[in-house]
């Protein structure tokens, strides 16, 4: 090699060294390619009930993968990945199915690879829809980073492409029994008593329920307790109604001003011969306050060691007529009695009925006013039995010795008066 050639090689080597000394080293990543993979489905069950309007949650998953990546190539790492769906929007459509979608396109934002986003859509399955399997088209639109070009040491230019895809979501339309409550009657229900909840319900669904059983269930710890929580109906065809009667009890501490929540549900054999159940229908039931009574202000007095008849005036201060009313009085010391019951009969609101009780008072009893408990047993118009709250009946016991002296004094006065009249007659003779 000539001297001139060696000088050229040395010069090139020197330039390379200078560049390596003065130029920074960039540890960047470069992605040569990536694949966008979007899938869609419905969160939860993909069964839709015919005749219902509901909200479905559509899930969109990005399963994109990077095909090739270069590390430490002296390039700047780009801000975007080719597998990220940018500004993703989703629009659900009924397609060729009978399903009707009433929601606008949903904006889901940037969806990176390995993530799942959700989009709610309101759908209606009309009554005329045929049961079966269908595909709902979901149109997704987004952008993605197609190319990143680096200029110099600190600039990078991006190129984006817009993409539109149609994904198909499988759904199954099923016939079903749906409940629509027409009326609830609790006319014979009172606080602290037994009665009935009578419900009239219509099958507004598309299936003819067979072997149908209706279940009534209290919500929480309410005061209503069913004696039986189920009523067998049998066939319950679409567009027909049924009247259900449940016997229940109401706690004595229940508040008659509150409507207490219950749920009603039908369990039946569907059109495929499978056991199915309707959605729980929320209902409520109230009841009347217990019939109340007051007594008059009669003064009842019996001598200690004697006997007497007390009179009690009972007034119906409730809002309903009662039947077969019978008053009873609780006998405690110092009283005894073989006559502690009295028949009152029918009492309309505001009516007053009179009861008489024959009482004996033990001799030597303390003279004072006593209070005896009295209750009224009665039935309503459906012959359901009730017992009133206790009522206090005051009875005053007087001292028998004071009465004896009074009677003795009266007898003495009568004798003296009789003697005086006898003497006057003798003088006149």
Protein backbone atom coordinates (compact mmCIF):
# COMPACT_ATOMS: atom_id res chain seq x y z
CA UNK A 1 0.00 0.00 0.00
CA UNK A 2 1.36 3.40 -0.93
CA UNK A 3 1.82 6.13 1.58
CA UNK A 4 -1.12 8.00 0.10
CA UNK A 5 -3.47 5.03 0.72
CA UNK A 6 -2.35 4.68 4.33
CA UNK A 7 -3.08 8.39 4.88
CA UNK A 8 -6.67 7.99 3.62
CA UNK A 9 -7.39 4.99 5.91
CA UNK A 10 -5.94 6.83 8.91
CA UNK A 11 -8.13 9.85 8.15
CA UNK A 12 -11.30 7.75 7.95
CA UNK A 13 -10.46 5.98 11.20
CA UNK A 14 -9.91 9.33 12.90
CA UNK A 15 -13.32 10.62 11.76
CA UNK A 16 -15.06 7.49 13.09
CA UNK A 17 -13.41 7.96 16.49
CA UNK A 18 -14.39 11.62 16.63
CA UNK A 19 -17.99 10.81 15.77
CA UNK A 20 -18.14 8.14 18.43
CA UNK A 21 -16.75 10.56 20.99
CA UNK A 22 -19.00 13.54 20.16
CA UNK A 23 -22.27 11.71 19.33
CA UNK A 24 -24.62 10.53 22.15
CA UNK A 25 -25.68 6.91 22.30
CA UNK A 26 -29.56 6.43 22.08
CA UNK A 27 -31.08 3.28 23.54
CA UNK A 28 -34.36 3.44 21.63
CA UNK A 29 -36.92 0.82 20.60
CA UNK A 30 -38.16 0.44 17.10
CA UNK A 31 -41.25 -1.59 16.20
CA UNK A 32 -41.20 -2.76 12.65
CA UNK A 33 -44.75 -4.16 12.66
CA UNK A 34 -47.73 -5.11 14.87
CA UNK A 35 -51.11 -6.76 14.49
CA UNK A 36 -54.41 -5.19 15.71
CA UNK A 37 -56.83 -7.89 16.95
CA UNK A 38 -60.20 -6.66 18.30
CA UNK A 39 -62.92 -8.98 19.61
CA UNK A 40 -66.35 -8.20 21.09
CA UNK A 41 -68.96 -9.91 23.23
CA UNK A 42 -71.61 -9.29 25.89
CA UNK A 43 -70.64 -9.19 29.54
CA UNK A 44 -72.66 -11.83 31.41
CA UNK A 45 -75.43 -13.82 29.77
CA UNK A 46 -76.06 -13.22 26.07
CA UNK A 47 -79.70 -14.28 26.39
CA UNK A 48 -82.31 -11.59 25.73
CA UNK A 49 -85.95 -11.98 26.70
CA UNK A 50 -88.56 -11.39 24.03
CA UNK A 51 -90.74 -8.40 24.83
CA UNK A 52 -88.22 -6.75 27.15
CA UNK A 53 -86.24 -3.54 27.03
CA UNK A 54 -82.91 -3.82 28.78
CA UNK A 55 -79.32 -2.60 28.86
CA UNK A 56 -76.56 -4.86 27.62
CA UNK A 57 -72.87 -4.31 28.31
CA UNK A 58 -70.75 -4.91 25.22
CA UNK A 59 -67.08 -5.67 25.89
CA UNK A 60 -64.36 -4.87 23.35
CA UNK A 61 -60.98 -6.56 23.88
CA UNK A 62 -57.72 -5.67 22.13
CA UNK A 63 -55.52 -8.74 21.74
CA UNK A 64 -52.97 -7.01 19.48
CA UNK A 65 -49.41 -8.37 19.26
CA UNK A 66 -46.05 -6.85 18.30
CA UNK A 67 -44.46 -8.93 15.52
CA UNK A 68 -40.96 -7.47 15.61
CA UNK A 69 -39.05 -5.10 17.89
CA UNK A 70 -35.52 -3.65 17.66
CA UNK A 71 -33.74 -2.53 20.80
CA UNK A 72 -30.81 -0.09 21.10
CA UNK A 73 -30.78 0.83 17.44
CA UNK A 74 -29.99 4.47 18.05
CA UNK A 75 -33.63 5.47 17.45
CA UNK A 76 -36.16 7.29 19.61
CA UNK A 77 -38.88 5.12 21.19
CA UNK A 78 -42.21 6.19 19.63
CA UNK A 79 -45.08 7.46 21.77
CA UNK A 80 -47.59 5.16 20.09
CA UNK A 81 -47.66 1.45 19.45
CA UNK A 82 -49.02 0.02 16.22
CA UNK A 83 -51.28 -2.24 18.30
CA UNK A 84 -53.11 0.58 20.11
CA UNK A 85 -56.60 1.44 18.83
CA UNK A 86 -56.76 5.22 19.12
CA UNK A 87 -60.05 7.12 19.64
CA UNK A 88 -62.08 3.95 19.39
CA UNK A 89 -65.86 4.28 18.89
CA UNK A 90 -68.40 1.45 18.83
CA UNK A 91 -71.90 1.33 17.36
CA UNK A 92 -74.23 -1.63 17.99
CA UNK A 93 -76.90 -2.42 15.41
CA UNK A 94 -79.69 -4.94 15.20
CA UNK A 95 -78.61 -6.10 11.75
CA UNK A 96 -80.94 -8.74 10.36
CA UNK A 97 -82.21 -9.67 13.84
CA UNK A 98 -85.45 -8.25 15.33
CA UNK A 99 -83.44 -6.57 18.09
CA UNK A 100 -83.81 -2.79 18.21
CA UNK A 101 -80.90 -0.67 19.53
CA UNK A 102 -81.72 2.80 20.84
CA UNK A 103 -78.24 3.93 21.94
CA UNK A 104 -75.85 6.22 20.04
CA UNK A 105 -72.25 5.26 19.21
CA UNK A 106 -70.12 4.93 22.33
CA UNK A 107 -66.71 6.64 22.58
CA UNK A 108 -64.25 4.27 24.25
CA UNK A 109 -61.00 6.22 23.88
CA UNK A 110 -57.55 4.67 23.33
CA UNK A 111 -57.52 0.91 23.78
CA UNK A 112 -54.07 -0.61 24.26
CA UNK A 113 -53.20 -4.19 23.54
CA UNK A 114 -54.17 -6.50 26.39
CA UNK A 115 -57.01 -4.29 27.69
CA UNK A 116 -60.80 -4.62 27.70
CA UNK A 117 -63.32 -1.76 27.62
CA UNK A 118 -67.09 -1.77 28.08
CA UNK A 119 -69.87 0.01 26.22
CA UNK A 120 -73.51 0.06 27.42
CA UNK A 121 -76.32 -0.17 24.86
CA UNK A 122 -80.08 -0.12 25.42
CA UNK A 123 -81.84 -2.78 23.35
CA UNK A 124 -85.47 -3.79 22.90
CA UNK A 125 -86.69 -7.19 21.78
CA UNK A 126 -90.23 -6.70 20.40
CA UNK A 127 -93.08 -9.05 21.22
CA UNK A 128 -93.23 -10.36 17.66
CA UNK A 129 -89.61 -11.55 17.69
CA UNK A 130 -88.97 -15.22 17.05
CA UNK A 131 -86.90 -17.16 19.54
CA UNK A 132 -83.50 -18.27 18.29
CA UNK A 133 -79.86 -17.27 17.82
CA UNK A 134 -78.81 -14.08 16.05
CA UNK A 135 -75.67 -12.05 15.30
CA UNK A 136 -75.62 -8.35 16.22
CA UNK A 137 -73.11 -6.30 14.18
CA UNK A 138 -70.84 -3.99 16.15
CA UNK A 139 -69.08 -1.39 14.02
CA UNK A 140 -65.81 -0.12 15.53
CA UNK A 141 -63.83 2.80 14.19
CA UNK A 142 -60.35 3.80 15.30
CA UNK A 143 -56.92 5.05 14.23
CA UNK A 144 -53.59 3.40 14.66
CA UNK A 145 -49.96 4.40 14.23
CA UNK A 146 -48.87 3.06 10.86
CA UNK A 147 -45.34 4.49 10.66
CA UNK A 148 -42.92 6.48 12.80
CA UNK A 149 -40.10 8.29 10.94
CA UNK A 150 -37.23 9.78 12.89
CA UNK A 151 -35.63 13.03 11.68
CA UNK A 152 -32.27 13.81 13.16
CA UNK A 153 -31.56 12.99 16.75
CA UNK A 154 -34.65 14.38 18.51
CA UNK A 155 -37.59 14.45 16.08
CA UNK A 156 -40.05 11.74 15.13
CA UNK A 157 -42.92 12.02 12.68
CA UNK A 158 -45.96 9.76 12.88
CA UNK A 159 -48.28 8.50 10.20
CA UNK A 160 -51.76 7.30 11.26
CA UNK A 161 -54.35 5.29 9.42
CA UNK A 162 -58.08 5.07 10.05
CA UNK A 163 -59.70 1.70 10.29
CA UNK A 164 -63.29 0.45 10.41
CA UNK A 165 -64.26 -3.09 11.36
CA UNK A 166 -67.51 -4.96 11.88
CA UNK A 167 -67.51 -7.45 14.72
CA UNK A 168 -70.43 -9.82 15.29
CA UNK A 169 -71.89 -10.53 18.73
CA UNK A 170 -73.94 -13.72 19.17
CA UNK A 171 -77.19 -13.40 21.15
CA UNK A 172 -80.03 -15.79 21.90
CA UNK A 173 -83.63 -14.59 22.04
CA UNK A 174 -85.81 -16.55 24.44
CA UNK A 175 -89.50 -16.63 25.13
CA UNK A 176 -90.26 -15.86 28.75
CA UNK A 177 -93.01 -15.23 31.27
CA UNK A 178 -93.10 -11.60 32.41
CA UNK A 179 -95.20 -10.36 35.31
CA UNK A 180 -97.29 -7.21 35.38
CA UNK A 181 -99.13 -6.64 38.66
CA UNK A 182 -102.61 -5.19 38.14
CA UNK A 183 -103.80 -4.87 41.73
CA UNK A 184 -102.94 -5.71 45.33
CA UNK A 185 -105.73 -6.09 47.92
CA UNK A 186 -104.92 -6.19 51.63
CA UNK A 187 -108.35 -5.15 52.92
CA UNK A 188 -108.51 -7.65 55.79
CA UNK A 189 -104.98 -7.06 57.06
CA UNK A 190 -104.61 -5.36 60.45
CA UNK A 191 -101.67 -4.73 62.74
CA UNK A 192 -101.15 -7.77 64.94
CA UNK A 193 -103.56 -9.97 63.00
CA UNK A 194 -103.82 -12.50 60.22
CA UNK A 195 -105.20 -11.77 56.79
CA UNK A 196 -104.66 -12.13 53.08
CA UNK A 197 -102.66 -10.44 50.35
CA UNK A 198 -104.57 -10.89 47.10
CA UNK A 199 -102.62 -10.13 43.92
CA UNK A 200 -103.92 -9.98 40.37
CA UNK A 201 -101.10 -10.51 37.86
CA UNK A 202 -100.89 -10.72 34.06
CA UNK A 203 -98.38 -12.64 31.93
CA UNK A 204 -97.18 -9.93 29.54
CA UNK A 205 -94.37 -12.14 28.23
CA UNK A 206 -94.17 -14.31 25.12
CA UNK A 207 -94.06 -17.78 26.71
CA UNK A 208 -96.96 -19.90 27.92
CA UNK A 209 -95.79 -20.96 31.35
CA UNK A 210 -96.61 -24.48 32.46
CA UNK A 211 -96.57 -25.88 36.02
CA UNK A 212 -96.34 -22.30 37.19
CA UNK A 213 -95.73 -21.58 40.87
CA UNK A 214 -95.78 -18.02 42.24
CA UNK A 215 -93.51 -17.17 45.18
CA UNK A 216 -94.12 -14.23 47.52
CA UNK A 217 -91.12 -13.11 49.56
CA UNK A 218 -90.74 -10.25 52.09
CA UNK A 219 -87.78 -7.94 51.53
CA UNK A 220 -85.55 -7.64 54.58
CA UNK A 221 -86.95 -8.04 58.09
CA UNK A 222 -90.42 -6.68 57.49
CA UNK A 223 -93.46 -7.35 59.73
CA UNK A 224 -95.30 -9.40 57.07
CA UNK A 225 -94.79 -13.17 57.37
CA UNK A 226 -96.53 -15.50 54.86
CA UNK A 227 -97.98 -18.72 56.24
CA UNK A 228 -97.29 -20.18 52.80
CA UNK A 229 -94.98 -18.41 50.36
CA UNK A 230 -96.09 -20.20 47.20
CA UNK A 231 -99.27 -20.56 45.16
CA UNK A 232 -99.57 -23.20 42.43
CA UNK A 233 -101.23 -21.83 39.27
CA UNK A 234 -100.42 -24.47 36.66
CA UNK A 235 -100.84 -23.15 33.13
CA UNK A 236 -100.18 -19.43 32.77
CA UNK A 237 -100.50 -18.59 29.06
CA UNK A 238 -99.24 -15.32 27.62
CA UNK A 239 -101.69 -12.38 27.86
CA UNK A 240 -103.75 -14.08 30.59
CA UNK A 241 -104.21 -13.09 34.24
CA UNK A 242 -104.27 -14.95 37.54
CA UNK A 243 -105.49 -14.04 41.03
CA UNK A 244 -103.22 -15.18 43.85
CA UNK A 245 -104.11 -15.28 47.54
CA UNK A 246 -101.48 -15.52 50.28
CA UNK A 247 -102.39 -15.84 53.96
CA UNK A 248 -100.00 -13.78 56.07
CA UNK A 249 -99.57 -12.48 59.59
CA UNK A 250 -98.64 -8.94 60.59
CA UNK A 251 -96.48 -8.23 63.64
CA UNK A 252 -98.10 -6.33 66.50
CA UNK A 253 -95.41 -3.61 66.34
CA UNK A 254 -95.91 -2.92 62.62
CA UNK A 255 -96.41 0.65 61.45
CA UNK A 256 -99.69 0.96 59.50
CA UNK A 257 -98.49 4.15 57.80
CA UNK A 258 -95.77 2.28 55.87
CA UNK A 259 -96.01 0.23 52.70
CA UNK A 260 -93.69 -2.74 53.20
CA UNK A 261 -91.77 -4.18 50.20
CA UNK A 262 -92.25 -7.69 48.82
CA UNK A 263 -91.20 -9.54 45.67
CA UNK A 264 -93.28 -11.78 43.42
CA UNK A 265 -91.68 -14.34 41.10
CA UNK A 266 -92.97 -17.11 38.84
CA UNK A 267 -91.13 -20.42 38.41
CA UNK A 268 -92.41 -22.42 35.45
CA UNK A 269 -91.67 -24.91 32.68
CA UNK A 270 -90.81 -22.98 29.49
CA UNK A 271 -91.41 -23.68 25.79
CA UNK A 272 -88.33 -25.90 25.65
CA UNK A 273 -89.47 -28.03 28.60
CA UNK A 274 -86.86 -26.46 30.88
CA UNK A 275 -87.36 -24.97 34.32
CA UNK A 276 -87.27 -21.17 34.07
CA UNK A 277 -88.11 -18.25 36.28
CA UNK A 278 -89.40 -14.76 35.67
CA UNK A 279 -87.69 -11.64 36.92
CA UNK A 280 -88.64 -10.72 40.48
CA UNK A 281 -91.41 -8.14 40.50
CA UNK A 282 -91.19 -5.56 43.28
CA UNK A 283 -94.49 -4.86 45.02
CA UNK A 284 -95.58 -3.48 48.40
CA UNK A 285 -98.37 -4.10 50.89
CA UNK A 286 -99.90 -2.09 53.70
CA UNK A 287 -102.51 -2.77 56.37
CA UNK A 288 -104.91 -1.04 58.69
CA UNK A 289 -104.26 -0.10 62.30
CA UNK A 290 -105.74 -2.36 64.94
CA UNK A 291 -109.29 -1.44 66.05
CA UNK A 292 -109.13 0.66 69.21
CA UNK A 293 -111.62 1.09 72.05
CA UNK A 294 -112.22 3.50 74.93
CA UNK A 295 -114.49 3.15 77.94
CA UNK A 296 -116.86 5.64 79.51
CA UNK A 297 -116.26 7.39 82.84
CA UNK A 298 -118.77 5.40 84.86
CA UNK A 299 -118.08 5.13 88.62
CA UNK A 300 -118.18 1.51 89.80
CA UNK A 301 -118.09 0.94 93.57
CA UNK A 302 -118.26 -2.30 95.60
CA UNK A 303 -118.06 -2.73 99.37
CA UNK A 304 -115.19 -4.69 100.85
CA UNK A 305 -116.51 -8.16 101.63
CA UNK A 306 -119.56 -7.62 99.44
CA UNK A 307 -120.62 -8.16 95.87
CA UNK A 308 -121.84 -5.92 93.10
CA UNK A 309 -122.33 -5.44 89.39
CA UNK A 310 -120.07 -3.07 87.48
CA UNK A 311 -121.11 -1.45 84.22
CA UNK A 312 -118.61 -0.71 81.43
CA UNK A 313 -119.38 1.29 78.26
CA UNK A 314 -117.08 0.28 75.35
CA UNK A 315 -116.81 2.60 72.34
CA UNK A 316 -115.42 1.51 68.95
CA UNK A 317 -113.02 4.32 68.00
CA UNK A 318 -111.67 2.46 64.96
CA UNK A 319 -112.53 3.01 61.30
CA UNK A 320 -114.18 -0.37 60.62
CA UNK A 321 -117.17 -2.37 61.76
CA UNK A 322 -116.44 -5.33 64.02
CA UNK A 323 -118.54 -8.46 64.50
CA UNK A 324 -119.20 -10.95 67.29
CA UNK A 325 -117.51 -8.68 69.82
CA UNK A 326 -117.13 -10.11 73.31
CA UNK A 327 -115.69 -8.22 76.27
CA UNK A 328 -113.75 -9.98 78.98
CA UNK A 329 -112.31 -8.76 82.26
CA UNK A 330 -109.26 -10.16 84.05
CA UNK A 331 -110.05 -11.04 87.66
CA UNK A 332 -107.26 -10.43 90.19
CA UNK A 333 -107.09 -10.23 93.99
CA UNK A 334 -109.12 -9.00 95.88
CA UNK A 335 -111.84 -9.74 93.31
CA UNK A 336 -113.49 -13.01 92.38
CA UNK A 337 -116.14 -13.66 89.79
CA UNK A 338 -117.98 -16.34 87.88
CA UNK A 339 -119.23 -13.78 85.37
CA UNK A 340 -116.21 -12.22 83.61
CA UNK A 341 -117.49 -12.27 79.99
CA UNK A 342 -120.09 -10.11 78.22
CA UNK A 343 -121.37 -10.27 74.63
CA UNK A 344 -121.34 -6.97 72.71
CA UNK A 345 -122.24 -8.10 69.17
CA UNK A 346 -121.67 -5.93 66.08
CA UNK A 347 -120.18 -2.48 66.60
CA UNK A 348 -119.89 0.08 63.85
CA UNK A 349 -117.30 2.88 64.05
CA UNK A 350 -118.40 5.20 66.86
CA UNK A 351 -120.85 2.70 68.38
CA UNK A 352 -120.96 2.13 72.15
CA UNK A 353 -121.93 -1.20 73.74
CA UNK A 354 -122.60 -1.86 77.44
CA UNK A 355 -121.20 -4.80 79.41
CA UNK A 356 -122.07 -5.81 82.99
CA UNK A 357 -119.85 -7.95 85.21
CA UNK A 358 -120.77 -9.39 88.63
CA UNK A 359 -117.84 -9.17 91.05
CA UNK A 360 -117.18 -10.28 94.62
CA UNK A 361 -114.70 -8.49 96.87
CA UNK A 362 -112.82 -10.35 99.58
CA UNK A 363 -113.56 -9.16 103.13
CA UNK A 364 -110.86 -7.10 104.71
CA UNK A 365 -109.73 -5.73 101.34
CA UNK A 366 -108.04 -2.35 101.33
CA UNK A 367 -110.40 0.43 100.39
CA UNK A 368 -109.03 2.11 97.26
CA UNK A 369 -109.45 2.27 93.49
CA UNK A 370 -108.33 -0.78 91.53
CA UNK A 371 -107.75 -1.13 87.76
CA UNK A 372 -108.80 -4.35 86.05
CA UNK A 373 -107.61 -5.27 82.56
CA UNK A 374 -110.27 -5.77 79.92
CA UNK A 375 -109.95 -7.08 76.34
CA UNK A 376 -112.38 -7.35 73.45
CA UNK A 377 -112.33 -10.31 71.09
CA UNK A 378 -113.96 -9.76 67.72
CA UNK A 379 -113.92 -10.74 64.05
CA UNK A 380 -113.82 -8.70 60.87
CA UNK A 381 -116.12 -9.18 57.89
CA UNK A 382 -114.01 -12.16 56.76
CA UNK A 383 -114.37 -13.83 60.19
CA UNK A 384 -110.68 -13.28 60.99
CA UNK A 385 -110.31 -13.13 64.78
CA UNK A 386 -108.62 -10.28 66.63
CA UNK A 387 -107.98 -9.29 70.25
CA UNK A 388 -107.84 -5.64 71.27
CA UNK A 389 -105.12 -4.07 73.35
CA UNK A 390 -105.86 -4.18 77.12
CA UNK A 391 -108.10 -1.45 78.52
CA UNK A 392 -108.02 -0.41 82.19
CA UNK A 393 -111.39 -0.56 83.99
CA UNK A 394 -111.38 1.32 87.35
CA UNK A 395 -113.32 -0.21 90.28
CA UNK A 396 -113.45 1.42 93.71
CA UNK A 397 -113.59 -0.74 96.85
CA UNK A 398 -115.09 0.98 99.92
CA UNK A 399 -114.63 0.19 103.64
CA UNK A 400 -117.42 -2.15 104.80
CA UNK A 401 -117.20 -1.03 108.52
CA UNK A 402 -117.99 2.58 107.60
CA UNK A 403 -120.99 1.43 105.65
CA UNK A 404 -122.18 -0.76 108.55
CA UNK A 405 -122.09 2.21 110.95
CA UNK A 406 -123.98 4.27 108.46
CA UNK A 407 -126.62 1.62 108.05
CA UNK A 408 -126.83 1.14 111.86
CA UNK A 409 -127.29 4.88 112.31
CA UNK A 410 -130.08 4.90 109.78
CA UNK A 411 -131.79 1.98 111.54
CA UNK A 412 -131.53 3.77 114.93
CA UNK A 413 -133.03 6.92 113.47
CA UNK A 414 -135.86 4.88 112.00
CA UNK A 415 -136.52 3.24 115.41
CA UNK A 416 -136.44 6.59 117.23
CA UNK A 417 -138.72 8.12 114.67
CA UNK A 418 -141.09 5.19 114.88
CA UNK A 419 -141.21 5.43 118.68
CA UNK A 420 -141.92 9.14 118.58
CA UNK A 421 -144.80 8.64 116.20
CA UNK A 422 -146.20 5.87 118.42
CA UNK A 423 -146.14 8.10 121.52
CA UNK A 424 -147.83 11.00 119.71
CA UNK A 425 -150.61 8.73 118.65
CA UNK A 426 -151.15 7.48 122.25
CA UNK A 427 -151.33 11.06 123.54
CA UNK A 428 -153.94 11.92 121.02
CA UNK A 429 -155.99 8.98 122.05
